[in-house]
Amino acid sequence: MDVKIERMEVVPVAGYDSPLLNLAGVHEPFFTRNIVVLTDSAGYTGVGEVPGGEVITKRLESLIPLVEGKPLGRFKQTLLEAQEFLSANMAAAAAAGGAQTAHAQIFSKVTNVITGIETPMLDLLAKHLEVPVAALLGDGQVREDVRFLGYLFYVADRNVVGGPYLHDDDDSDEWGRIRRDPALTPEAIVHQAEAAAERFGFHDFKLKGGVFPAREEIRAIRALKERFPEARITIDPNGAWSLAESVEVCRDLVGVLTYCEDPCGAEGRFSGRETMAEFHRQTGLPTATNMIDTDWREMKAAIRLDSVTIPLADPHFWTMQGCVRVAQLCHEMDLTWGVHSNNHFDISLMMVAHAAAAAPGFVNACDTHYMWQDGQHLGKTAPQFHDGCLTVPRDSIGLGIDLDRAKLDAAHKLYVDNGCGTRDDARGMNALIPGWTYDPHRPAMVR
C-alpha cells in the first residue's frame, strides 16, 4: 500500500460532566479526552480517542515525528517503534506531563498512548479496504449488535459542590430531565435505571459504588433487582471494601448480583488478586475487574488464582487489538469478556463497539458512560442505541465516525477556556466534606 501518513494532530478536548460520585471523589464540571486525527496522502482521515490528562497529551505529541511520513501498510511496525520509544522515555514524559493525581496515575499507562495512534491507523486502513474496523481485529467480525449496560451513579447536588456544571439542557424525556439532579438514595438509583432504560433500551445495569457504606449500596442493588428481575446487575466499589466486609454483605446475593466488580483490593500481605479469589470462593459470585488484570502478567496471575470471571479489557488500556486478544483468551478458557469505561465521546463508544463486534464467545454487556454525555458527540451524527445495543453493520466502512471539525474545535476551546488538564475528583469533595482526602480503603462519603 503506497499511502503515507502525512499529518498527525493531537487535540485535547473537554465535555460537560455531572457531579458523579465515586471512590476518588466527585467528577468535575468537565471531563477531558485526547483526540488523535491522522490524515494520509490519499486524503483520508482516521480518528481515535483516549483518556485526557497532560501526561497522555505530551506522550502523544512526542510521537508525531515518528508517525508522520510512515507508510500506512506498515502500521504494526510503527506501533512497535512507538512502544519502544515510549518505554525508553517514560520517566521524562511523565515528568513533563503535570500532576499525578489518583486518577492520572491510572490513565498514564503507555498503552493509552499506543491506542491513540493505533485506532486512527486502523480507521484509515479500514477505509482503504472498505471494511469496518471490526473486520481487522482478531479473527474478524463475529456480531453486528453489541449490547451495552446502563451505568448508574450516585449524583451530588451541583449547587453544593459548586462550579459550572451543565443543567437544564435536555427536557426531551425523563432521562434528560433527571440526569443532572441529585441521586443519593436507592429510590433515586432505580429512577435513573428506569429513565435510562426508556431512552436507550438497556437491559443490564451497573452501580458505581465506593460512595456510601457497603450495606447502603447493597440496598440499592436489591431495589434494582426487584424492579428489573431479569437484568444482569453488578456493583463496582473499586476495591474500597475489605475482604471480610465484601463477603459479609455479598454472601447472600447469589441471584441478586449477577457478578461483583472489584469488591475488595490488596490487604496486608495479600494482593488484590488473592483477596478477589477468596471473595469468589466464599460467596460463589462471579467477579469482574479492571483493576487487578490490566496487563498480560497480571492477567496470568489472576487466572491462575481464579480471581476473575469477567476480565474488563478496555481498548484504551489494552489497545484495540490487545483487548480482542483478551476476548480470544476468554473464549478459549471459558471466561466472559467485558469492557471497562470512563467518561468519553462517541469516538471511544465506537471503538468499544468495534472491539466487541470482533470478540468471540460470550460477551458481557459493555460498560459506557455515554448515557451521561449523550448529545455531546464529535461526529456529524450521533450513535443510536436500539434495545440497549449499538449496531456495527458488516458492510460499514471504518470506525463509523465522520468527524465534525466545528464540534472538535468547540470541544478544544472548552478545554482551553476552562483551564482543563489533569482530572482531580478530590477538588469538589471538599465542598461536601471539608478537609476530604482520597483513601482507597474508605468509601468517599464515609469520613
Protein backbone atom coordinates (compact mmCIF):
# COMPACT_ATOMS: atom_id res chain seq x y z
CA MET A 1 0.00 0.00 0.00
CA ASP A 2 1.70 3.15 -1.27
CA VAL A 3 -0.08 5.50 1.16
CA LYS A 4 1.69 7.50 3.85
CA ILE A 5 0.51 9.28 6.97
CA GLU A 6 1.04 12.95 6.21
CA ARG A 7 -0.28 14.62 9.34
CA MET A 8 -0.90 13.72 12.99
CA GLU A 9 -2.96 16.07 15.15
CA VAL A 10 -3.31 15.73 18.94
CA VAL A 11 -6.30 17.70 20.21
CA PRO A 12 -7.04 17.84 23.96
CA VAL A 13 -10.78 18.35 24.40
CA ALA A 14 -13.35 18.73 27.14
CA GLY A 15 -17.01 17.95 27.56
CA TYR A 16 -19.57 18.67 30.25
CA ASP A 17 -20.00 16.22 33.11
CA SER A 18 -22.27 15.87 36.14
CA PRO A 19 -21.16 15.69 39.81
CA LEU A 20 -20.99 11.88 39.74
CA LEU A 21 -19.67 10.35 42.95
CA ASN A 22 -17.05 7.62 43.12
CA LEU A 23 -14.30 6.38 45.43
CA ALA A 24 -11.90 9.09 44.22
CA GLY A 25 -14.37 11.89 44.94
CA VAL A 26 -16.79 13.75 42.67
CA HIS A 27 -16.49 14.33 38.94
CA GLU A 28 -15.55 17.86 37.99
CA PRO A 29 -17.78 20.00 35.71
CA PHE A 30 -15.68 18.99 32.71
CA PHE A 31 -14.20 15.67 31.61
CA THR A 32 -11.20 15.61 29.30
CA ARG A 33 -10.08 13.41 26.42
CA ASN A 34 -7.35 13.40 23.79
CA ILE A 35 -8.45 13.12 20.17
CA VAL A 36 -5.93 12.00 17.56
CA VAL A 37 -6.57 12.76 13.89
CA LEU A 38 -4.40 11.21 11.17
CA THR A 39 -4.57 12.38 7.57
CA ASP A 40 -2.97 10.27 4.83
CA SER A 41 -1.59 11.05 1.40
CA ALA A 42 -4.82 9.88 -0.26
CA GLY A 43 -6.83 12.46 1.69
CA TYR A 44 -8.47 10.02 4.10
CA THR A 45 -8.88 10.91 7.79
CA GLY A 46 -8.68 8.46 10.71
CA VAL A 47 -9.71 9.26 14.28
CA GLY A 48 -9.06 7.88 17.75
CA GLU A 49 -9.92 8.88 21.31
CA VAL A 50 -8.04 8.14 24.54
CA PRO A 51 -8.24 9.43 28.14
CA GLY A 52 -7.41 13.03 28.88
CA GLY A 53 -4.65 14.47 31.03
CA GLU A 54 -1.40 16.23 30.31
CA VAL A 55 0.74 13.08 30.61
CA ILE A 56 -1.06 11.41 27.71
CA THR A 57 -1.17 14.63 25.66
CA LYS A 58 2.60 15.11 25.96
CA ARG A 59 3.34 11.49 25.11
CA LEU A 60 1.10 11.58 22.06
CA GLU A 61 2.77 14.78 20.86
CA SER A 62 6.17 13.15 21.28
CA LEU A 63 5.13 10.51 18.71
CA ILE A 64 4.29 12.97 15.92
CA PRO A 65 7.78 12.86 14.29
CA LEU A 66 7.72 9.06 14.48
CA VAL A 67 4.26 8.68 12.90
CA GLU A 68 4.27 11.32 10.18
CA GLY A 69 5.70 10.08 6.90
CA LYS A 70 5.28 6.39 7.73
CA PRO A 71 3.57 4.03 5.23
CA LEU A 72 0.08 3.10 6.39
CA GLY A 73 0.62 -0.52 5.37
CA ARG A 74 3.45 -0.78 7.94
CA PHE A 75 1.24 0.36 10.80
CA LYS A 76 2.24 -2.54 13.06
CA GLN A 77 5.89 -1.65 12.69
CA THR A 78 5.03 1.95 13.56
CA LEU A 79 3.21 0.78 16.69
CA LEU A 80 6.21 -1.33 17.69
CA GLU A 81 8.58 1.60 17.25
CA ALA A 82 6.22 3.84 19.25
CA GLN A 83 6.08 1.28 22.07
CA GLU A 84 9.87 1.10 22.19
CA PHE A 85 10.20 4.89 22.13
CA LEU A 86 7.67 5.40 24.91
CA SER A 87 9.13 2.67 27.11
CA ALA A 88 12.56 4.27 26.78
CA ASN A 89 11.23 7.74 27.59
CA MET A 90 8.52 7.11 30.20
CA ALA A 91 10.22 8.89 33.09
CA ALA A 92 10.97 12.05 31.11
CA ALA A 93 7.50 12.14 29.55
CA ALA A 94 5.80 11.72 32.95
CA ALA A 95 7.90 14.48 34.47
CA ALA A 96 6.82 16.83 31.68
CA GLY A 97 3.20 15.85 31.93
CA GLY A 98 1.96 17.57 35.09
CA ALA A 99 0.44 16.45 38.38
CA GLN A 100 -0.13 12.77 39.06
CA THR A 101 -3.50 12.70 40.82
CA ALA A 102 -5.12 9.39 41.80
CA HIS A 103 -6.94 9.41 38.50
CA ALA A 104 -3.98 10.50 36.37
CA GLN A 105 -1.90 7.61 37.71
CA ILE A 106 -4.46 5.13 36.37
CA PHE A 107 -4.53 6.62 32.90
CA SER A 108 -0.82 7.27 32.39
CA LYS A 109 -0.20 3.76 31.04
CA VAL A 110 1.79 3.63 27.80
CA THR A 111 -0.99 1.57 26.20
CA ASN A 112 -3.36 4.55 26.34
CA VAL A 113 -0.91 6.39 24.08
CA ILE A 114 -0.40 3.43 21.73
CA THR A 115 -4.17 3.13 21.33
CA GLY A 116 -4.18 6.82 20.44
CA ILE A 117 -2.26 6.14 17.23
CA GLU A 118 -3.38 2.54 16.64
CA THR A 119 -7.09 3.40 16.36
CA PRO A 120 -6.84 6.14 13.71
CA MET A 121 -4.44 3.95 11.71
CA LEU A 122 -6.96 1.09 11.82
CA ASP A 123 -9.68 3.56 10.84
CA LEU A 124 -7.60 4.66 7.82
CA LEU A 125 -6.74 1.12 6.80
CA ALA A 126 -10.38 0.01 7.08
CA LYS A 127 -11.45 2.93 4.87
CA HIS A 128 -8.97 1.96 2.16
CA LEU A 129 -10.09 -1.68 2.33
CA GLU A 130 -13.76 -0.63 2.56
CA VAL A 131 -14.45 -2.76 5.65
CA PRO A 132 -15.41 -1.98 9.25
CA VAL A 133 -12.57 -1.75 11.78
CA ALA A 134 -14.03 -4.86 13.46
CA ALA A 135 -13.08 -6.86 10.36
CA LEU A 136 -9.39 -6.08 11.04
CA LEU A 137 -9.45 -7.26 14.67
CA GLY A 138 -8.93 -10.80 15.96
CA ASP A 139 -10.32 -13.34 13.50
CA GLY A 140 -12.75 -10.79 12.09
CA GLN A 141 -16.23 -9.54 12.89
CA VAL A 142 -18.44 -12.09 14.67
CA ARG A 143 -21.52 -9.99 15.54
CA GLU A 144 -23.32 -6.85 14.43
CA ASP A 145 -25.31 -5.99 17.57
CA VAL A 146 -23.24 -5.04 20.62
CA ARG A 147 -25.02 -4.91 23.95
CA PHE A 148 -24.28 -2.15 26.48
CA LEU A 149 -25.35 -1.67 30.08
CA GLY A 150 -26.78 1.29 31.97
CA TYR A 151 -24.03 2.77 34.17
CA LEU A 152 -25.69 4.25 37.26
CA PHE A 153 -24.09 6.74 39.66
CA TYR A 154 -24.84 8.46 42.91
CA VAL A 155 -25.00 12.15 41.98
CA ALA A 156 -24.15 15.02 44.33
CA ASP A 157 -26.02 18.33 44.41
CA ARG A 158 -24.24 20.59 41.91
CA ASN A 159 -25.30 23.66 43.92
CA VAL A 160 -23.41 22.34 46.94
CA VAL A 161 -20.34 21.15 45.04
CA GLY A 162 -20.18 24.41 43.08
CA GLY A 163 -18.79 25.03 39.61
CA PRO A 164 -20.19 25.44 36.09
CA TYR A 165 -22.00 22.09 35.85
CA LEU A 166 -24.31 21.71 32.89
CA HIS A 167 -28.01 21.66 33.81
CA ASP A 168 -31.46 22.17 32.31
CA ASP A 169 -30.03 21.26 28.90
CA ASP A 170 -32.44 18.47 27.92
CA ASP A 171 -36.13 18.09 28.71
CA SER A 172 -36.90 15.70 25.86
CA ASP A 173 -37.61 12.77 28.19
CA GLU A 174 -37.25 11.65 31.80
CA TRP A 175 -33.56 10.78 31.42
CA GLY A 176 -32.83 14.25 30.12
CA ARG A 177 -34.74 15.81 32.97
CA ILE A 178 -33.14 13.88 35.85
CA ARG A 179 -29.55 13.08 34.86
CA ARG A 180 -28.18 16.34 36.30
CA ASP A 181 -30.18 16.08 39.55
CA PRO A 182 -29.00 14.74 42.93
CA ALA A 183 -29.37 10.97 43.32
CA LEU A 184 -28.35 9.74 46.77
CA THR A 185 -30.90 7.04 47.66
CA PRO A 186 -31.84 3.57 46.38
CA GLU A 187 -35.08 5.04 45.07
CA ALA A 188 -33.20 7.65 43.05
CA ILE A 189 -30.89 4.98 41.60
CA VAL A 190 -33.89 2.90 40.49
CA HIS A 191 -35.41 6.01 38.91
CA GLN A 192 -32.15 6.56 37.00
CA ALA A 193 -32.31 3.00 35.70
CA GLU A 194 -35.92 3.37 34.60
CA ALA A 195 -35.21 6.61 32.75
CA ALA A 196 -32.04 5.27 31.09
CA ALA A 197 -33.85 2.09 30.04
CA GLU A 198 -36.61 4.18 28.48
CA ARG A 199 -34.18 6.23 26.36
CA PHE A 200 -31.53 3.64 25.48
CA GLY A 201 -33.27 0.30 25.98
CA PHE A 202 -30.72 -1.05 28.46
CA HIS A 203 -31.46 -4.46 29.96
CA ASP A 204 -28.47 -4.64 32.33
CA PHE A 205 -27.17 -2.23 34.96
CA LYS A 206 -24.06 -1.40 36.93
CA LEU A 207 -23.90 0.83 40.01
CA LYS A 208 -20.72 2.74 40.76
CA GLY A 209 -20.13 2.03 44.44
CA GLY A 210 -17.42 3.11 46.82
CA VAL A 211 -19.52 6.12 47.85
CA PHE A 212 -21.65 5.10 50.86
CA PRO A 213 -21.26 2.26 53.38
CA ALA A 214 -21.45 -1.12 51.70
CA ARG A 215 -24.79 -2.09 53.24
CA GLU A 216 -26.40 1.11 51.97
CA GLU A 217 -25.19 0.42 48.43
CA ILE A 218 -26.43 -3.17 48.59
CA ARG A 219 -29.89 -1.76 49.43
CA ALA A 220 -29.79 -0.02 46.06
CA ILE A 221 -28.73 -3.26 44.34
CA ARG A 222 -31.65 -5.16 45.89
CA ALA A 223 -34.04 -2.40 44.82
CA LEU A 224 -32.71 -2.57 41.25
CA LYS A 225 -33.14 -6.34 41.12
CA GLU A 226 -36.67 -6.07 42.43
CA ARG A 227 -37.52 -3.53 39.73
CA PHE A 228 -35.61 -5.33 36.93
CA PRO A 229 -35.71 -9.05 37.88
CA GLU A 230 -34.33 -10.23 34.51
CA ALA A 231 -31.39 -7.82 34.45
CA ARG A 232 -27.74 -8.70 34.91
CA ILE A 233 -26.76 -6.37 37.76
CA THR A 234 -23.37 -5.57 39.27
CA ILE A 235 -21.73 -3.08 41.61
CA ASP A 236 -18.24 -1.61 41.44
CA PRO A 237 -16.82 -0.15 44.68
CA ASN A 238 -13.31 -0.01 43.15
CA GLY A 239 -11.83 -2.23 45.87
CA ALA A 240 -13.00 0.04 48.71
CA TRP A 241 -14.41 -2.75 50.87
CA SER A 242 -12.32 -5.10 52.97
CA LEU A 243 -12.44 -8.80 52.15
CA ALA A 244 -14.38 -9.52 55.35
CA GLU A 245 -16.95 -6.80 54.64
CA SER A 246 -17.25 -7.84 50.99
CA VAL A 247 -18.03 -11.42 51.97
CA GLU A 248 -20.41 -10.34 54.73
CA VAL A 249 -22.57 -8.10 52.53
CA CYS A 250 -22.45 -10.27 49.40
CA ARG A 251 -22.59 -13.86 50.63
CA ASP A 252 -26.41 -13.98 50.27
CA LEU A 253 -26.60 -12.13 46.95
CA VAL A 254 -26.36 -15.05 44.53
CA GLY A 255 -29.35 -14.45 42.26
CA VAL A 256 -29.35 -10.72 43.04
CA LEU A 257 -25.86 -9.70 41.97
CA THR A 258 -25.05 -11.45 38.71
CA TYR A 259 -21.37 -10.67 39.32
CA CYS A 260 -19.36 -8.29 41.50
CA GLU A 261 -16.70 -5.93 40.18
CA ASP A 262 -13.64 -5.26 42.33
CA PRO A 263 -15.35 -5.51 45.73
CA CYS A 264 -12.02 -5.65 47.58
CA GLY A 265 -8.37 -4.89 46.95
CA ALA A 266 -4.91 -5.56 48.33
CA GLU A 267 -4.87 -6.19 52.07
CA GLY A 268 -1.82 -6.60 54.27
CA ARG A 269 0.35 -9.37 52.81
CA PHE A 270 -2.23 -10.26 50.18
CA SER A 271 -2.58 -8.81 46.69
CA GLY A 272 -5.89 -7.75 45.19
CA ARG A 273 -5.81 -10.90 43.06
CA GLU A 274 -5.60 -13.04 46.21
CA THR A 275 -8.40 -11.25 48.04
CA MET A 276 -10.63 -11.36 44.95
CA ALA A 277 -10.02 -15.10 44.64
CA GLU A 278 -11.02 -15.57 48.26
CA PHE A 279 -14.15 -13.46 47.76
CA HIS A 280 -15.08 -15.61 44.76
CA ARG A 281 -14.62 -18.82 46.76
CA GLN A 282 -16.52 -17.67 49.84
CA THR A 283 -19.50 -16.05 48.12
CA GLY A 284 -19.88 -18.12 44.96
CA LEU A 285 -20.31 -14.89 42.99
CA PRO A 286 -18.55 -14.39 39.66
CA THR A 287 -16.10 -11.49 39.68
CA ALA A 288 -15.20 -8.76 37.20
CA THR A 289 -12.20 -6.45 37.30
CA ASN A 290 -10.39 -3.64 35.56
CA MET A 291 -8.00 -3.18 38.50
CA ILE A 292 -6.10 -6.44 39.03
CA ASP A 293 -5.50 -7.69 35.47
CA THR A 294 -4.54 -4.61 33.49
CA ASP A 295 -1.69 -6.27 31.56
CA TRP A 296 -0.71 -9.78 30.49
CA ARG A 297 1.45 -10.53 33.52
CA GLU A 298 -1.36 -9.55 35.90
CA MET A 299 -3.84 -11.48 33.77
CA LYS A 300 -1.76 -14.65 34.06
CA ALA A 301 -1.67 -14.38 37.85
CA ALA A 302 -5.40 -13.59 38.08
CA ILE A 303 -6.34 -16.64 36.00
CA ARG A 304 -4.02 -18.92 37.98
CA LEU A 305 -5.65 -17.80 41.24
CA ASP A 306 -9.20 -17.94 39.83
CA SER A 307 -9.60 -14.27 40.80
CA VAL A 308 -11.64 -13.13 37.83
CA THR A 309 -14.58 -14.43 35.83
CA ILE A 310 -15.06 -11.36 33.63
CA PRO A 311 -11.87 -9.51 32.63
CA LEU A 312 -12.84 -5.96 31.64
CA ALA A 313 -10.44 -5.27 28.79
CA ASP A 314 -10.94 -1.62 27.88
CA PRO A 315 -9.35 -0.93 24.46
CA HIS A 316 -7.83 2.24 25.90
CA PHE A 317 -5.88 0.14 28.41
CA TRP A 318 -5.14 -2.81 26.15
CA THR A 319 -5.19 -1.31 22.62
CA MET A 320 -7.88 -2.26 20.14
CA GLN A 321 -6.02 -5.37 19.02
CA GLY A 322 -4.98 -6.29 22.57
CA CYS A 323 -8.45 -6.20 24.05
CA VAL A 324 -9.71 -8.53 21.33
CA ARG A 325 -6.82 -10.88 22.11
CA VAL A 326 -8.12 -10.89 25.70
CA ALA A 327 -11.55 -11.83 24.31
CA GLN A 328 -9.99 -14.72 22.38
CA LEU A 329 -8.28 -15.90 25.58
CA CYS A 330 -11.56 -15.68 27.48
CA HIS A 331 -13.31 -17.70 24.78
CA GLU A 332 -10.72 -20.48 24.96
CA MET A 333 -10.71 -20.57 28.78
CA ASP A 334 -14.48 -20.37 29.40
CA LEU A 335 -14.30 -16.84 30.79
CA THR A 336 -16.55 -13.92 29.88
CA TRP A 337 -15.11 -10.83 28.18
CA GLY A 338 -16.23 -7.34 29.11
CA VAL A 339 -15.19 -3.70 28.84
CA HIS A 340 -14.45 -1.00 31.42
CA SER A 341 -15.47 2.60 30.77
CA ASN A 342 -14.70 6.20 31.65
CA ASN A 343 -16.26 9.48 30.56
CA HIS A 344 -15.93 9.66 26.78
CA PHE A 345 -17.21 10.96 23.49
CA ASP A 346 -18.70 8.99 20.59
CA ILE A 347 -15.31 8.05 19.12
CA SER A 348 -14.49 5.91 22.16
CA LEU A 349 -18.00 4.49 22.11
CA MET A 350 -17.48 3.23 18.55
CA MET A 351 -14.02 1.92 19.45
CA VAL A 352 -15.65 -0.28 22.09
CA ALA A 353 -18.44 -1.32 19.72
CA HIS A 354 -15.96 -2.49 17.05
CA ALA A 355 -13.82 -4.35 19.59
CA ALA A 356 -16.91 -6.11 20.95
CA ALA A 357 -18.09 -6.89 17.43
CA ALA A 358 -14.86 -8.85 16.92
CA ALA A 359 -14.85 -10.50 20.36
CA PRO A 360 -15.63 -14.24 20.14
CA GLY A 361 -17.59 -16.18 22.72
CA PHE A 362 -19.82 -14.83 25.47
CA VAL A 363 -19.56 -11.06 25.80
CA ASN A 364 -20.81 -9.19 28.84
CA ALA A 365 -22.83 -6.02 28.21
CA CYS A 366 -20.19 -3.34 27.69
CA ASP A 367 -19.69 -0.51 30.17
CA THR A 368 -20.22 3.00 28.88
CA HIS A 369 -20.51 6.46 30.44
CA TYR A 370 -22.00 7.74 27.18
CA MET A 371 -25.51 7.99 28.65
CA TRP A 372 -24.15 10.84 30.79
CA GLN A 373 -22.52 12.52 27.76
CA ASP A 374 -25.33 11.81 25.28
CA GLY A 375 -25.69 14.81 22.98
CA GLN A 376 -22.02 15.81 23.04
CA HIS A 377 -20.81 13.77 20.06
CA LEU A 378 -17.87 14.86 17.90
CA GLY A 379 -19.10 13.14 14.77
CA LYS A 380 -21.58 14.72 12.38
CA THR A 381 -24.24 12.24 13.53
CA ALA A 382 -24.66 10.63 16.94
CA PRO A 383 -24.52 6.85 17.50
CA GLN A 384 -28.00 5.49 18.17
CA PHE A 385 -28.85 2.76 20.69
CA HIS A 386 -31.60 0.32 19.85
CA ASP A 387 -32.82 -2.07 22.56
CA GLY A 388 -29.62 -1.38 24.52
CA CYS A 389 -27.39 -2.20 21.55
CA LEU A 390 -25.21 -0.41 19.02
CA THR A 391 -25.08 -1.95 15.56
CA VAL A 392 -21.84 -2.37 13.58
CA PRO A 393 -23.04 -3.34 10.08
CA ARG A 394 -20.77 -5.77 8.26
CA ASP A 395 -20.97 -3.58 5.17
CA SER A 396 -19.95 -0.40 7.04
CA ILE A 397 -16.58 1.27 6.46
CA GLY A 398 -14.03 2.35 9.05
CA LEU A 399 -14.86 3.26 12.62
CA GLY A 400 -18.13 4.89 11.64
CA ILE A 401 -17.26 8.42 12.81
CA ASP A 402 -17.48 11.27 10.30
CA LEU A 403 -15.57 13.87 12.30
CA ASP A 404 -17.23 17.28 12.68
CA ARG A 405 -14.34 19.77 12.77
CA ALA A 406 -16.51 22.53 14.20
CA LYS A 407 -17.51 20.32 17.14
CA LEU A 408 -13.90 19.25 17.65
CA ASP A 409 -12.79 22.89 17.70
CA ALA A 410 -15.55 23.78 20.18
CA ALA A 411 -14.54 20.92 22.50
CA HIS A 412 -10.92 22.07 22.34
CA LYS A 413 -12.00 25.65 23.11
CA LEU A 414 -13.97 24.40 26.11
CA TYR A 415 -10.79 22.66 27.30
CA VAL A 416 -8.65 25.79 26.89
CA ASP A 417 -11.16 28.32 28.20
CA ASN A 418 -11.71 26.36 31.42
CA GLY A 419 -8.08 25.52 32.09
CA CYS A 420 -8.76 21.79 31.94
CA GLY A 421 -5.88 19.42 32.36
CA THR A 422 -5.35 16.63 34.83
CA ARG A 423 -8.57 15.33 36.35
CA ASP A 424 -8.81 15.58 40.14
CA ASP A 425 -12.03 14.28 41.70
CA ALA A 426 -10.82 15.35 45.16
CA ARG A 427 -11.29 19.07 44.50
CA GLY A 428 -15.07 19.16 44.61
CA MET A 429 -15.30 16.80 47.59
CA ASN A 430 -14.08 19.50 49.94
CA ALA A 431 -17.35 21.34 49.41
CA LEU A 432 -19.18 18.23 50.63
CA ILE A 433 -16.71 17.21 53.37
CA PRO A 434 -14.22 19.91 54.41
CA GLY A 435 -10.67 18.58 54.53
CA TRP A 436 -11.58 15.49 52.50
CA THR A 437 -8.69 13.43 51.13
CA TYR A 438 -8.69 10.33 48.98
CA ASP A 439 -8.49 6.99 50.81
CA PRO A 440 -8.60 3.85 48.62
CA HIS A 441 -9.99 1.83 51.53
CA ARG A 442 -12.89 4.09 52.55
CA PRO A 443 -16.00 4.98 50.53
CA ALA A 444 -15.99 8.63 49.53
CA MET A 445 -18.82 9.74 51.83
CA VAL A 446 -17.58 7.76 54.84
CA ARG A 447 -15.35 10.08 56.89
